C-alpha atoms as a PDB file:
ATOM      1  CA  MET A   1      93.189  82.489 117.242  1.00  0.00           C
ATOM      2  CA  THR A   2      94.493  80.710 120.304  1.00  0.00           C
ATOM      3  CA  GLY A   3      97.906  80.618 121.887  1.00  0.00           C
ATOM      4  CA  GLY A   4      98.320  78.341 124.892  1.00  0.00           C
ATOM      5  CA  SER A   5      95.375  79.213 127.115  1.00  0.00           C
ATOM      6  CA  LEU A   6      95.071  82.701 125.609  1.00  0.00           C
ATOM      7  CA  ARG A   7      92.536  83.749 122.958  1.00  0.00           C
ATOM      8  CA  PHE A   8      93.207  86.595 120.547  1.00  0.00           C
ATOM      9  CA  ARG A   9      91.652  88.431 117.650  1.00  0.00           C
ATOM     10  CA  ILE A  10      93.141  90.799 115.070  1.00  0.00           C
ATOM     11  CA  ARG A  11      91.551  94.143 114.275  1.00  0.00           C
ATOM     12  CA  ASP A  12      92.458  97.621 113.044  1.00  0.00           C
ATOM     13  CA  LEU A  13      94.487  99.825 115.364  1.00  0.00           C
ATOM     14  CA  ALA A  14      92.271 102.308 117.241  1.00  0.00           C
ATOM     15  CA  PRO A  15      93.217 105.365 119.335  1.00  0.00           C
ATOM     16  CA  GLY A  16      92.374 103.454 122.527  1.00  0.00           C
ATOM     17  CA  ASP A  17      95.079 100.887 121.687  1.00  0.00           C
ATOM     18  CA  LEU A  18      97.940 103.397 121.676  1.00  0.00           C
ATOM     19  CA  ASP A  19      98.943 103.028 125.340  1.00  0.00           C
ATOM     20  CA  GLY A  20      99.313  99.265 124.912  1.00  0.00           C
ATOM     21  CA  VAL A  21     101.111  99.650 121.590  1.00  0.00           C
ATOM     22  CA  MET A  22     103.533 102.192 123.068  1.00  0.00           C
ATOM     23  CA  ALA A  23     104.327  99.917 126.030  1.00  0.00           C
ATOM     24  CA  ILE A  24     105.211  97.070 123.641  1.00  0.00           C
ATOM     25  CA  GLU A  25     107.138  99.407 121.330  1.00  0.00           C
ATOM     26  CA  GLN A  26     109.271 100.771 124.163  1.00  0.00           C
ATOM     27  CA  GLU A  27     109.967  97.285 125.505  1.00  0.00           C
ATOM     28  CA  SER A  28     110.822  95.852 122.085  1.00  0.00           C
ATOM     29  CA  PHE A  29     113.067  98.391 120.341  1.00  0.00           C
ATOM     30  CA  PRO A  30     116.147 100.417 121.312  1.00  0.00           C
ATOM     31  CA  THR A  31     114.756 103.422 119.423  1.00  0.00           C
ATOM     32  CA  PRO A  32     110.961 103.199 119.617  1.00  0.00           C
ATOM     33  CA  TRP A  33     108.553 104.959 117.291  1.00  0.00           C
ATOM     34  CA  SER A  34     106.812 107.971 118.782  1.00  0.00           C
ATOM     35  CA  ARG A  35     103.126 107.929 119.694  1.00  0.00           C
ATOM     36  CA  ALA A  36     102.580 110.524 116.948  1.00  0.00           C
ATOM     37  CA  LEU A  37     103.894 108.104 114.300  1.00  0.00           C
ATOM     38  CA  PHE A  38     101.370 105.466 115.359  1.00  0.00           C
ATOM     39  CA  GLU A  39      98.577 108.069 115.465  1.00  0.00           C
ATOM     40  CA  GLU A  40      99.385 108.990 111.844  1.00  0.00           C
ATOM     41  CA  GLU A  41      98.860 105.369 110.757  1.00  0.00           C
ATOM     42  CA  ILE A  42      95.258 105.235 111.997  1.00  0.00           C
ATOM     43  CA  GLY A  43      93.028 105.702 108.975  1.00  0.00           C
ATOM     44  CA  ARG A  44      95.891 106.234 106.505  1.00  0.00           C
ATOM     45  CA  ARG A  45      94.594 104.897 103.191  1.00  0.00           C
ATOM     46  CA  PHE A  46      97.663 102.857 102.190  1.00  0.00           C
ATOM     47  CA  SER A  47      98.506 101.654 105.706  1.00  0.00           C
ATOM     48  CA  ASP A  48      97.325  98.532 107.438  1.00  0.00           C
ATOM     49  CA  ALA A  49      97.807  99.266 111.130  1.00  0.00           C
ATOM     50  CA  ILE A  50      96.589  96.249 113.078  1.00  0.00           C
ATOM     51  CA  VAL A  51      96.617  94.936 116.615  1.00  0.00           C
ATOM     52  CA  VAL A  52      96.164  91.571 118.249  1.00  0.00           C
ATOM     53  CA  VAL A  53      94.001  91.873 121.336  1.00  0.00           C
ATOM     54  CA  GLY A  54      93.335  89.282 123.999  1.00  0.00           C
ATOM     55  CA  GLU A  55      89.811  88.062 124.623  1.00  0.00           C
ATOM     56  CA  PRO A  56      88.147  88.765 126.878  1.00  0.00           C
ATOM     57  CA  GLY A  57      89.375  92.189 127.875  1.00  0.00           C
ATOM     58  CA  GLY A  58      90.911  93.539 124.692  1.00  0.00           C
ATOM     59  CA  GLU A  59      94.455  94.034 126.025  1.00  0.00           C
ATOM     60  CA  VAL A  60      96.932  94.662 123.185  1.00  0.00           C
ATOM     61  CA  ALA A  61      99.272  91.683 122.752  1.00  0.00           C
ATOM     62  CA  GLY A  62     100.962  92.807 119.531  1.00  0.00           C
ATOM     63  CA  TYR A  63     100.751  95.094 116.527  1.00  0.00           C
ATOM     64  CA  ALA A  64     101.980  95.534 112.979  1.00  0.00           C
ATOM     65  CA  ILE A  65     102.158  98.345 110.429  1.00  0.00           C
ATOM     66  CA  CYS A  66     102.302  97.502 106.727  1.00  0.00           C
ATOM     67  CA  TRP A  67     102.073  99.854 103.757  1.00  0.00           C
ATOM     68  CA  THR A  68     100.930  98.853 100.283  1.00  0.00           C
ATOM     69  CA  VAL A  69     101.548 101.265  97.420  1.00  0.00           C
ATOM     70  CA  GLY A  70     100.901  99.926  93.937  1.00  0.00           C
ATOM     71  CA  GLU A  71     102.119  96.342  93.769  1.00  0.00           C
ATOM     72  CA  GLU A  72     104.670  96.720  96.557  1.00  0.00           C
ATOM     73  CA  SER A  73     104.119  96.232 100.279  1.00  0.00           C
ATOM     74  CA  HIS A  74     106.480  96.989 103.123  1.00  0.00           C
ATOM     75  CA  LEU A  75     106.257  95.674 106.666  1.00  0.00           C
ATOM     76  CA  LEU A  76     107.385  98.692 108.675  1.00  0.00           C
ATOM     77  CA  ASN A  77     106.903  97.528 112.233  1.00  0.00           C
ATOM     78  CA  ILE A  78     105.807  94.410 114.091  1.00  0.00           C
ATOM     79  CA  ALA A  79     106.123  93.548 117.770  1.00  0.00           C
ATOM     80  CA  VAL A  80     104.580  91.285 120.375  1.00  0.00           C
ATOM     81  CA  ARG A  81     104.315  91.781 124.134  1.00  0.00           C
ATOM     82  CA  PRO A  82     107.029  89.652 125.804  1.00  0.00           C
ATOM     83  CA  ASP A  83     104.567  87.442 127.729  1.00  0.00           C
ATOM     84  CA  ALA A  84     102.670  86.691 124.495  1.00  0.00           C
ATOM     85  CA  ARG A  85     105.714  85.706 122.409  1.00  0.00           C
ATOM     86  CA  ASN A  86     106.179  82.186 121.030  1.00  0.00           C
ATOM     87  CA  ARG A  87     102.404  81.658 120.928  1.00  0.00           C
ATOM     88  CA  GLY A  88     101.757  82.400 117.253  1.00  0.00           C
ATOM     89  CA  VAL A  89     100.850  86.065 117.760  1.00  0.00           C
ATOM     90  CA  GLY A  90     103.677  87.441 115.603  1.00  0.00           C
ATOM     91  CA  ARG A  91     103.067  84.900 112.880  1.00  0.00           C
ATOM     92  CA  SER A  92      99.339  85.701 112.877  1.00  0.00           C
ATOM     93  CA  LEU A  93     100.126  89.413 112.543  1.00  0.00           C
ATOM     94  CA  LEU A  94     102.552  88.718 109.706  1.00  0.00           C
ATOM     95  CA  ARG A  95     100.049  86.562 107.843  1.00  0.00           C
ATOM     96  CA  GLU A  96      97.304  89.161 108.294  1.00  0.00           C
ATOM     97  CA  CYS A  97      99.625  91.827 106.861  1.00  0.00           C
ATOM     98  CA  ILE A  98     100.320  89.578 103.874  1.00  0.00           C
ATOM     99  CA  ARG A  99      96.583  88.902 103.426  1.00  0.00           C
ATOM    100  CA  ARG A 100      95.700  92.592 103.560  1.00  0.00           C
ATOM    101  CA  SER A 101      98.579  93.455 101.213  1.00  0.00           C
ATOM    102  CA  ALA A 102      97.291  90.946  98.669  1.00  0.00           C
ATOM    103  CA  LEU A 103      93.766  92.401  98.948  1.00  0.00           C
ATOM    104  CA  ALA A 104      95.223  95.875  98.311  1.00  0.00           C
ATOM    105  CA  GLY A 105      96.940  94.666  95.132  1.00  0.00           C
ATOM    106  CA  GLY A 106     100.398  93.985  96.538  1.00  0.00           C
ATOM    107  CA  ARG A 107     102.481  91.421  94.658  1.00  0.00           C
ATOM    108  CA  ARG A 108     105.681  91.510  96.742  1.00  0.00           C
ATOM    109  CA  ILE A 109     106.326  92.381 100.365  1.00  0.00           C
ATOM    110  CA  TYR A 110     109.605  93.637 101.839  1.00  0.00           C
ATOM    111  CA  LEU A 111     110.960  94.137 105.336  1.00  0.00           C
ATOM    112  CA  GLU A 112     114.164  94.978 107.170  1.00  0.00           C
ATOM    113  CA  VAL A 113     115.300  93.063 110.231  1.00  0.00           C
ATOM    114  CA  ARG A 114     118.295  93.329 112.539  1.00  0.00           C
ATOM    115  CA  PRO A 115     120.737  90.429 112.084  1.00  0.00           C
ATOM    116  CA  SER A 116     120.658  90.039 115.878  1.00  0.00           C
ATOM    117  CA  ASN A 117     116.885  89.370 115.832  1.00  0.00           C
ATOM    118  CA  GLU A 118     117.180  85.646 115.163  1.00  0.00           C
ATOM    119  CA  PRO A 119     113.644  84.705 116.314  1.00  0.00           C
ATOM    120  CA  ALA A 120     112.127  87.163 113.827  1.00  0.00           C
ATOM    121  CA  ILE A 121     114.400  85.970 111.011  1.00  0.00           C
ATOM    122  CA  ARG A 122     113.310  82.368 111.665  1.00  0.00           C
ATOM    123  CA  MET A 123     109.641  83.403 111.598  1.00  0.00           C
ATOM    124  CA  TYR A 124     110.038  85.307 108.320  1.00  0.00           C
ATOM    125  CA  ARG A 125     111.902  82.434 106.661  1.00  0.00           C
ATOM    126  CA  ARG A 126     109.193  79.961 107.750  1.00  0.00           C
ATOM    127  CA  ASP A 127     106.699  82.181 105.972  1.00  0.00           C
ATOM    128  CA  GLY A 128     108.620  82.198 102.707  1.00  0.00           C
ATOM    129  CA  PHE A 129     110.730  85.350 103.011  1.00  0.00           C
ATOM    130  CA  ARG A 130     114.105  85.204 101.288  1.00  0.00           C
ATOM    131  CA  PHE A 131     117.283  87.271 101.502  1.00  0.00           C
ATOM    132  CA  VAL A 132     117.349  90.255  99.137  1.00  0.00           C
ATOM    133  CA  GLY A 133     120.257  92.304 100.431  1.00  0.00           C
ATOM    134  CA  VAL A 134     121.825  94.298 103.229  1.00  0.00           C
ATOM    135  CA  ARG A 135     121.362  97.956 104.117  1.00  0.00           C
ATOM    136  CA  LYS A 136     124.669  99.007 105.692  1.00  0.00           C
ATOM    137  CA  GLY A 137     124.346 100.989 108.927  1.00  0.00           C
ATOM    138  CA  TYR A 138     120.548 101.080 108.584  1.00  0.00           C
ATOM    139  CA  TYR A 139     119.847 101.174 112.311  1.00  0.00           C
ATOM    140  CA  THR A 140     121.283 104.511 113.343  1.00  0.00           C
ATOM    141  CA  ASP A 141     120.864 103.806 117.069  1.00  0.00           C
ATOM    142  CA  THR A 142     123.421 100.962 116.994  1.00  0.00           C
ATOM    143  CA  GLY A 143     124.993 101.261 113.543  1.00  0.00           C
ATOM    144  CA  GLU A 144     123.762  97.746 112.855  1.00  0.00           C
ATOM    145  CA  ASP A 145     123.088  96.673 109.283  1.00  0.00           C
ATOM    146  CA  ALA A 146     119.617  95.576 108.206  1.00  0.00           C
ATOM    147  CA  ILE A 147     118.914  92.334 106.418  1.00  0.00           C
ATOM    148  CA  VAL A 148     116.357  92.933 103.674  1.00  0.00           C
ATOM    149  CA  LEU A 149     113.917  90.074 103.134  1.00  0.00           C
ATOM    150  CA  SER A 150     111.135  89.712 100.589  1.00  0.00           C
ATOM    151  CA  ARG A 151     108.542  87.301  99.324  1.00  0.00           C
ATOM    152  CA  VAL A 152     106.008  87.150  96.532  1.00  0.00           C
ATOM    153  CA  ILE A 153     102.367  87.510  97.503  1.00  0.00           C
ATOM    154  CA  GLY A 154      99.365  86.845  95.351  1.00  0.00           C
ATOM    155  CA  GLU A 155      95.656  86.166  95.145  1.00  0.00           C
ATOM    156  CA  LYS A 156      95.889  82.962  97.199  1.00  0.00           C
ATOM    157  CA  ASN A 157      97.227  85.071 100.100  1.00  0.00           C
ATOM    158  CA  ALA A 158      94.068  87.208 100.048  1.00  0.00           C
ATOM    159  CA  GLU A 159      91.941  84.327 101.341  1.00  0.00           C
END
């Protein structure tokens, strides 16, 4: 994958990625996940914990966590390092989560997003996500509602 003059690849999250993931997490969210939460995702059977790393060097440029249980998938967390945004990194992570969800038997994927996160909403809509509902007061740090989006996934997404 390329983005501008940068080259990236996607792989499973490894313990050595956690410092980079935590730096992005803390820069991206008002209430970041703890390191322990990310550690729990490594090797969890129903979790796809992935990172985008720059090549050469392997510096973490973004990450995503997606769970698939039965036919339902849920994108729990996705973020991209600020200097790597608007280069296709987030979209590549999203598409890889969808691909892995389809391989795991997922038929529909869900996510929550802050209404104030307009760039993310645009990205999700471009990839076929549609409005499902609102979770009132979902984000306890700000009291902000969450917009719930969803899309169907299938065998063609597993390619």
